[in-house]
Amino acid sequence: MLRVLVIVLPLIFQIYCLVDCAQTPAEKLRNLPKWAWIAIIIIFSLIGSIGYIIAGRAPRGGFSSGPKRRVLPPDDDPDFLKNL
């Protein structure tokens, strides 16, 4: 069973990284173009996948308490202008 996990887990990780890289817009990838990351993930398998996660993937938003509210300056805020 352990022998199977040693082969299957890196393969699943490589497929995850390949799909994530393919679905991510090119503007969001760091350090290399999308085609280069895909080639690195395919050619170097586990090392390429780890490299993509560390150096190529755009930072994901962490935990948030909800949508961020855009702060408006007083002269653009309708609530502020209504109270004048």
Foldseek 3Di string as FASTA:
>chain_A
DVVVCVPPVLVVLLVVLLVVLVPDDQVQWPDDGSVVLNVQSVPVRNVSSVCCVVHTGHDDDDDDPDDDDDDDDLVPDPVNVVVD
